[in-house]
């Protein structure tokens, strides 16, 4: 739990301490927190969710469930970097409940404007692959490997909830 909180705090500091808080190139994404291969998983999910939901950064809420076999909930850090969801703002939560045993993690991402939601699942079989990427590649190569990985996650739409009042 302490490691997870430290990981989230580090990501938040990186995002808050950058001049614009935005990244546009792979090199900039790597600088924002891709120290290993688990953070880019979240970056990829966060960017995908923003596109599918037609949402702006800061326009989503996230609940992340870490799998029992995952070494950390670091994909939540990547989702936070990509979407600017924030624990401090109440738009990012790492749930105390665990994802199913066969999952590395599950992310539920919803548009604050429309209530539309997506559920992302990452199979536990990705844990050893991501650990191997950490050993085999430098930060930019890890980022590229994750961004180009086939079948990294499954995504399914969720029934819309009532949009939150503005």
C-alpha atoms as a PDB file:
ATOM      1  CA  UNK A   1       0.000   0.000   0.000  1.00  0.00           C
ATOM      2  CA  UNK A   2       2.816   2.413   0.841  1.00  0.00           C
ATOM      3  CA  UNK A   3       4.549   1.587  -2.453  1.00  0.00           C
ATOM      4  CA  UNK A   4       1.309   2.263  -4.344  1.00  0.00           C
ATOM      5  CA  UNK A   5       0.820   5.610  -2.612  1.00  0.00           C
ATOM      6  CA  UNK A   6       4.435   6.587  -3.307  1.00  0.00           C
ATOM      7  CA  UNK A   7       4.013   5.606  -6.962  1.00  0.00           C
ATOM      8  CA  UNK A   8       0.857   7.746  -7.280  1.00  0.00           C
ATOM      9  CA  UNK A   9       2.480  10.650  -5.444  1.00  0.00           C
ATOM     10  CA  UNK A  10       5.499  10.544  -7.763  1.00  0.00           C
ATOM     11  CA  UNK A  11       3.271  10.610 -10.824  1.00  0.00           C
ATOM     12  CA  UNK A  12       1.236  13.484  -9.410  1.00  0.00           C
ATOM     13  CA  UNK A  13       4.393  15.465  -8.683  1.00  0.00           C
ATOM     14  CA  UNK A  14       5.682  14.874 -12.191  1.00  0.00           C
ATOM     15  CA  UNK A  15       2.402  16.075 -13.696  1.00  0.00           C
ATOM     16  CA  UNK A  16       2.066  19.069 -11.366  1.00  0.00           C
ATOM     17  CA  UNK A  17       5.665  20.186 -11.720  1.00  0.00           C
ATOM     18  CA  UNK A  18       5.768  20.262 -15.514  1.00  0.00           C
ATOM     19  CA  UNK A  19       5.205  23.634 -17.111  1.00  0.00           C
ATOM     20  CA  UNK A  20       2.227  22.634 -19.212  1.00  0.00           C
ATOM     21  CA  UNK A  21       1.302  19.243 -17.773  1.00  0.00           C
ATOM     22  CA  UNK A  22       0.866  18.023 -21.357  1.00  0.00           C
ATOM     23  CA  UNK A  23       2.882  15.686 -23.470  1.00  0.00           C
ATOM     24  CA  UNK A  24       2.793  15.408 -27.205  1.00  0.00           C
ATOM     25  CA  UNK A  25       5.727  13.233 -28.258  1.00  0.00           C
ATOM     26  CA  UNK A  26       6.862   9.806 -27.052  1.00  0.00           C
ATOM     27  CA  UNK A  27       9.951  11.460 -25.542  1.00  0.00           C
ATOM     28  CA  UNK A  28       7.751  13.819 -23.510  1.00  0.00           C
ATOM     29  CA  UNK A  29       5.548  10.938 -22.346  1.00  0.00           C
ATOM     30  CA  UNK A  30       8.671   9.052 -21.228  1.00  0.00           C
ATOM     31  CA  UNK A  31       9.828  12.090 -19.232  1.00  0.00           C
ATOM     32  CA  UNK A  32       6.417  12.280 -17.525  1.00  0.00           C
ATOM     33  CA  UNK A  33       6.782   8.940 -15.844  1.00  0.00           C
ATOM     34  CA  UNK A  34       7.590   6.017 -18.107  1.00  0.00           C
ATOM     35  CA  UNK A  35      10.357   4.718 -15.859  1.00  0.00           C
ATOM     36  CA  UNK A  36       9.157   1.184 -16.482  1.00  0.00           C
ATOM     37  CA  UNK A  37       6.717  -0.534 -18.779  1.00  0.00           C
ATOM     38  CA  UNK A  38       3.715  -0.455 -16.428  1.00  0.00           C
ATOM     39  CA  UNK A  39       3.176   3.335 -16.592  1.00  0.00           C
ATOM     40  CA  UNK A  40       2.940   3.394 -20.420  1.00  0.00           C
ATOM     41  CA  UNK A  41       0.176   0.773 -20.179  1.00  0.00           C
ATOM     42  CA  UNK A  42      -1.859   3.381 -18.341  1.00  0.00           C
ATOM     43  CA  UNK A  43      -0.842   6.155 -20.726  1.00  0.00           C
ATOM     44  CA  UNK A  44      -2.080   4.056 -23.624  1.00  0.00           C
ATOM     45  CA  UNK A  45      -5.359   3.265 -21.842  1.00  0.00           C
ATOM     46  CA  UNK A  46      -5.888   6.893 -20.828  1.00  0.00           C
ATOM     47  CA  UNK A  47      -5.301   8.221 -24.340  1.00  0.00           C
ATOM     48  CA  UNK A  48      -7.575   5.537 -25.788  1.00  0.00           C
ATOM     49  CA  UNK A  49     -10.340   6.387 -23.313  1.00  0.00           C
ATOM     50  CA  UNK A  50     -10.176  10.115 -24.052  1.00  0.00           C
ATOM     51  CA  UNK A  51     -10.513   9.400 -27.763  1.00  0.00           C
ATOM     52  CA  UNK A  52     -13.329   6.853 -27.453  1.00  0.00           C
ATOM     53  CA  UNK A  53     -15.278   8.987 -24.982  1.00  0.00           C
ATOM     54  CA  UNK A  54     -14.664  12.226 -26.882  1.00  0.00           C
ATOM     55  CA  UNK A  55     -13.481  13.702 -23.588  1.00  0.00           C
ATOM     56  CA  UNK A  56     -10.959  16.394 -22.822  1.00  0.00           C
ATOM     57  CA  UNK A  57      -8.167  15.929 -20.317  1.00  0.00           C
ATOM     58  CA  UNK A  58      -9.583  16.435 -16.802  1.00  0.00           C
ATOM     59  CA  UNK A  59     -12.929  15.343 -18.254  1.00  0.00           C
ATOM     60  CA  UNK A  60     -13.010  11.786 -16.911  1.00  0.00           C
ATOM     61  CA  UNK A  61     -13.193   9.882 -13.672  1.00  0.00           C
ATOM     62  CA  UNK A  62     -11.125   6.744 -13.137  1.00  0.00           C
ATOM     63  CA  UNK A  63     -11.367   3.792 -10.785  1.00  0.00           C
ATOM     64  CA  UNK A  64      -8.432   1.386 -11.041  1.00  0.00           C
ATOM     65  CA  UNK A  65      -8.434  -2.147  -9.608  1.00  0.00           C
ATOM     66  CA  UNK A  66      -4.984  -3.695  -9.320  1.00  0.00           C
ATOM     67  CA  UNK A  67      -4.692  -7.416  -9.857  1.00  0.00           C
ATOM     68  CA  UNK A  68      -3.428  -9.663  -7.090  1.00  0.00           C
ATOM     69  CA  UNK A  69      -0.413 -10.704  -9.200  1.00  0.00           C
ATOM     70  CA  UNK A  70       0.492  -7.178 -10.351  1.00  0.00           C
ATOM     71  CA  UNK A  71       3.663  -5.749  -8.767  1.00  0.00           C
ATOM     72  CA  UNK A  72       2.071  -2.288  -8.485  1.00  0.00           C
ATOM     73  CA  UNK A  73      -0.936  -0.229  -9.592  1.00  0.00           C
ATOM     74  CA  UNK A  74       1.393   1.829 -11.798  1.00  0.00           C
ATOM     75  CA  UNK A  75      -0.945   1.762 -14.820  1.00  0.00           C
ATOM     76  CA  UNK A  76      -3.108   4.103 -12.716  1.00  0.00           C
ATOM     77  CA  UNK A  77      -0.185   6.558 -12.750  1.00  0.00           C
ATOM     78  CA  UNK A  78      -0.107   6.416 -16.535  1.00  0.00           C
ATOM     79  CA  UNK A  79      -3.860   6.923 -16.762  1.00  0.00           C
ATOM     80  CA  UNK A  80      -3.484   9.954 -14.477  1.00  0.00           C
ATOM     81  CA  UNK A  81      -0.712  11.381 -16.651  1.00  0.00           C
ATOM     82  CA  UNK A  82      -2.692  10.908 -19.875  1.00  0.00           C
ATOM     83  CA  UNK A  83      -6.085  12.076 -18.605  1.00  0.00           C
ATOM     84  CA  UNK A  84      -5.033  14.402 -15.794  1.00  0.00           C
ATOM     85  CA  UNK A  85      -7.410  12.556 -13.477  1.00  0.00           C
ATOM     86  CA  UNK A  86      -6.302  13.247  -9.932  1.00  0.00           C
ATOM     87  CA  UNK A  87      -6.698  11.636  -6.534  1.00  0.00           C
ATOM     88  CA  UNK A  88      -6.588  15.130  -5.044  1.00  0.00           C
ATOM     89  CA  UNK A  89      -9.473  16.273  -7.233  1.00  0.00           C
ATOM     90  CA  UNK A  90     -11.418  13.085  -6.546  1.00  0.00           C
ATOM     91  CA  UNK A  91     -11.339  11.976 -10.172  1.00  0.00           C
ATOM     92  CA  UNK A  92      -8.862   9.096  -9.718  1.00  0.00           C
ATOM     93  CA  UNK A  93      -9.270   6.280  -7.245  1.00  0.00           C
ATOM     94  CA  UNK A  94      -7.196   3.146  -6.748  1.00  0.00           C
ATOM     95  CA  UNK A  95      -9.821   0.827  -5.323  1.00  0.00           C
ATOM     96  CA  UNK A  96      -9.025  -1.254  -2.260  1.00  0.00           C
ATOM     97  CA  UNK A  97     -10.772  -4.194  -3.925  1.00  0.00           C
ATOM     98  CA  UNK A  98      -8.599  -6.317  -6.190  1.00  0.00           C
ATOM     99  CA  UNK A  99      -9.201  -7.174  -9.817  1.00  0.00           C
ATOM    100  CA  UNK A 100      -9.956 -10.831 -10.596  1.00  0.00           C
ATOM    101  CA  UNK A 101      -7.051 -13.287 -10.270  1.00  0.00           C
ATOM    102  CA  UNK A 102      -6.595 -13.555 -14.039  1.00  0.00           C
ATOM    103  CA  UNK A 103      -6.206  -9.779 -14.427  1.00  0.00           C
ATOM    104  CA  UNK A 104      -3.193  -7.506 -14.029  1.00  0.00           C
ATOM    105  CA  UNK A 105      -5.647  -4.664 -13.616  1.00  0.00           C
ATOM    106  CA  UNK A 106      -9.038  -3.240 -14.488  1.00  0.00           C
ATOM    107  CA  UNK A 107      -9.770   0.424 -15.161  1.00  0.00           C
ATOM    108  CA  UNK A 108     -13.235   1.932 -15.283  1.00  0.00           C
ATOM    109  CA  UNK A 109     -13.135   5.317 -16.991  1.00  0.00           C
ATOM    110  CA  UNK A 110     -16.182   7.556 -17.367  1.00  0.00           C
ATOM    111  CA  UNK A 111     -16.844  10.877 -19.047  1.00  0.00           C
ATOM    112  CA  UNK A 112     -17.807  13.495 -16.489  1.00  0.00           C
ATOM    113  CA  UNK A 113     -19.889  15.286 -19.143  1.00  0.00           C
ATOM    114  CA  UNK A 114     -21.907  12.369 -20.515  1.00  0.00           C
ATOM    115  CA  UNK A 115     -21.634   9.567 -17.965  1.00  0.00           C
ATOM    116  CA  UNK A 116     -20.518   7.200 -20.750  1.00  0.00           C
ATOM    117  CA  UNK A 117     -18.047   4.621 -19.533  1.00  0.00           C
ATOM    118  CA  UNK A 118     -15.464   2.097 -20.618  1.00  0.00           C
ATOM    119  CA  UNK A 119     -14.026  -0.886 -18.818  1.00  0.00           C
ATOM    120  CA  UNK A 120     -10.412  -1.774 -19.635  1.00  0.00           C
ATOM    121  CA  UNK A 121      -9.035  -5.150 -18.596  1.00  0.00           C
ATOM    122  CA  UNK A 122      -5.372  -6.132 -18.724  1.00  0.00           C
ATOM    123  CA  UNK A 123      -4.693  -9.858 -18.538  1.00  0.00           C
ATOM    124  CA  UNK A 124      -2.322 -11.126 -15.845  1.00  0.00           C
ATOM    125  CA  UNK A 125      -0.319 -12.770 -18.628  1.00  0.00           C
ATOM    126  CA  UNK A 126       1.079  -9.291 -19.390  1.00  0.00           C
ATOM    127  CA  UNK A 127       2.937  -9.062 -16.047  1.00  0.00           C
ATOM    128  CA  UNK A 128       5.940 -11.222 -17.080  1.00  0.00           C
ATOM    129  CA  UNK A 129       5.988  -9.625 -20.556  1.00  0.00           C
ATOM    130  CA  UNK A 130       6.153  -6.128 -19.056  1.00  0.00           C
ATOM    131  CA  UNK A 131       8.828  -7.177 -16.561  1.00  0.00           C
ATOM    132  CA  UNK A 132      10.874  -8.543 -19.472  1.00  0.00           C
ATOM    133  CA  UNK A 133      10.436  -5.228 -21.340  1.00  0.00           C
ATOM    134  CA  UNK A 134      11.815  -3.444 -18.266  1.00  0.00           C
ATOM    135  CA  UNK A 135      14.935  -5.614 -18.404  1.00  0.00           C
ATOM    136  CA  UNK A 136      15.433  -5.620 -22.163  1.00  0.00           C
ATOM    137  CA  UNK A 137      14.739  -2.027 -23.235  1.00  0.00           C
ATOM    138  CA  UNK A 138      15.645   1.553 -22.386  1.00  0.00           C
ATOM    139  CA  UNK A 139      12.765   3.895 -21.363  1.00  0.00           C
ATOM    140  CA  UNK A 140      11.848   5.051 -24.872  1.00  0.00           C
ATOM    141  CA  UNK A 141      12.009   1.515 -26.274  1.00  0.00           C
ATOM    142  CA  UNK A 142       9.791   0.303 -23.396  1.00  0.00           C
ATOM    143  CA  UNK A 143       7.293   3.034 -24.183  1.00  0.00           C
ATOM    144  CA  UNK A 144       7.321   2.122 -27.885  1.00  0.00           C
ATOM    145  CA  UNK A 145       6.961  -1.593 -27.121  1.00  0.00           C
ATOM    146  CA  UNK A 146       3.908  -0.971 -24.924  1.00  0.00           C
ATOM    147  CA  UNK A 147       2.323   1.484 -27.360  1.00  0.00           C
ATOM    148  CA  UNK A 148       2.673  -1.030 -30.185  1.00  0.00           C
ATOM    149  CA  UNK A 149       1.781  -4.203 -28.237  1.00  0.00           C
ATOM    150  CA  UNK A 150      -1.087  -6.131 -29.788  1.00  0.00           C
ATOM    151  CA  UNK A 151      -3.919  -7.196 -27.507  1.00  0.00           C
ATOM    152  CA  UNK A 152      -2.545  -5.261 -24.525  1.00  0.00           C
ATOM    153  CA  UNK A 153      -6.026  -4.762 -23.125  1.00  0.00           C
ATOM    154  CA  UNK A 154      -9.669  -5.444 -23.798  1.00  0.00           C
ATOM    155  CA  UNK A 155     -12.172  -2.615 -23.715  1.00  0.00           C
ATOM    156  CA  UNK A 156     -15.916  -2.768 -23.384  1.00  0.00           C
ATOM    157  CA  UNK A 157     -18.529  -0.027 -23.154  1.00  0.00           C
ATOM    158  CA  UNK A 158     -20.443   0.368 -19.923  1.00  0.00           C
ATOM    159  CA  UNK A 159     -23.996   1.637 -19.537  1.00  0.00           C
ATOM    160  CA  UNK A 160     -24.022   5.413 -19.147  1.00  0.00           C
ATOM    161  CA  UNK A 161     -24.569   6.871 -15.712  1.00  0.00           C
ATOM    162  CA  UNK A 162     -26.251  10.178 -15.145  1.00  0.00           C
ATOM    163  CA  UNK A 163     -23.781  12.931 -16.009  1.00  0.00           C
ATOM    164  CA  UNK A 164     -22.460  14.786 -13.007  1.00  0.00           C
ATOM    165  CA  UNK A 165     -23.750  18.344 -12.526  1.00  0.00           C
ATOM    166  CA  UNK A 166     -21.325  21.065 -13.514  1.00  0.00           C
END
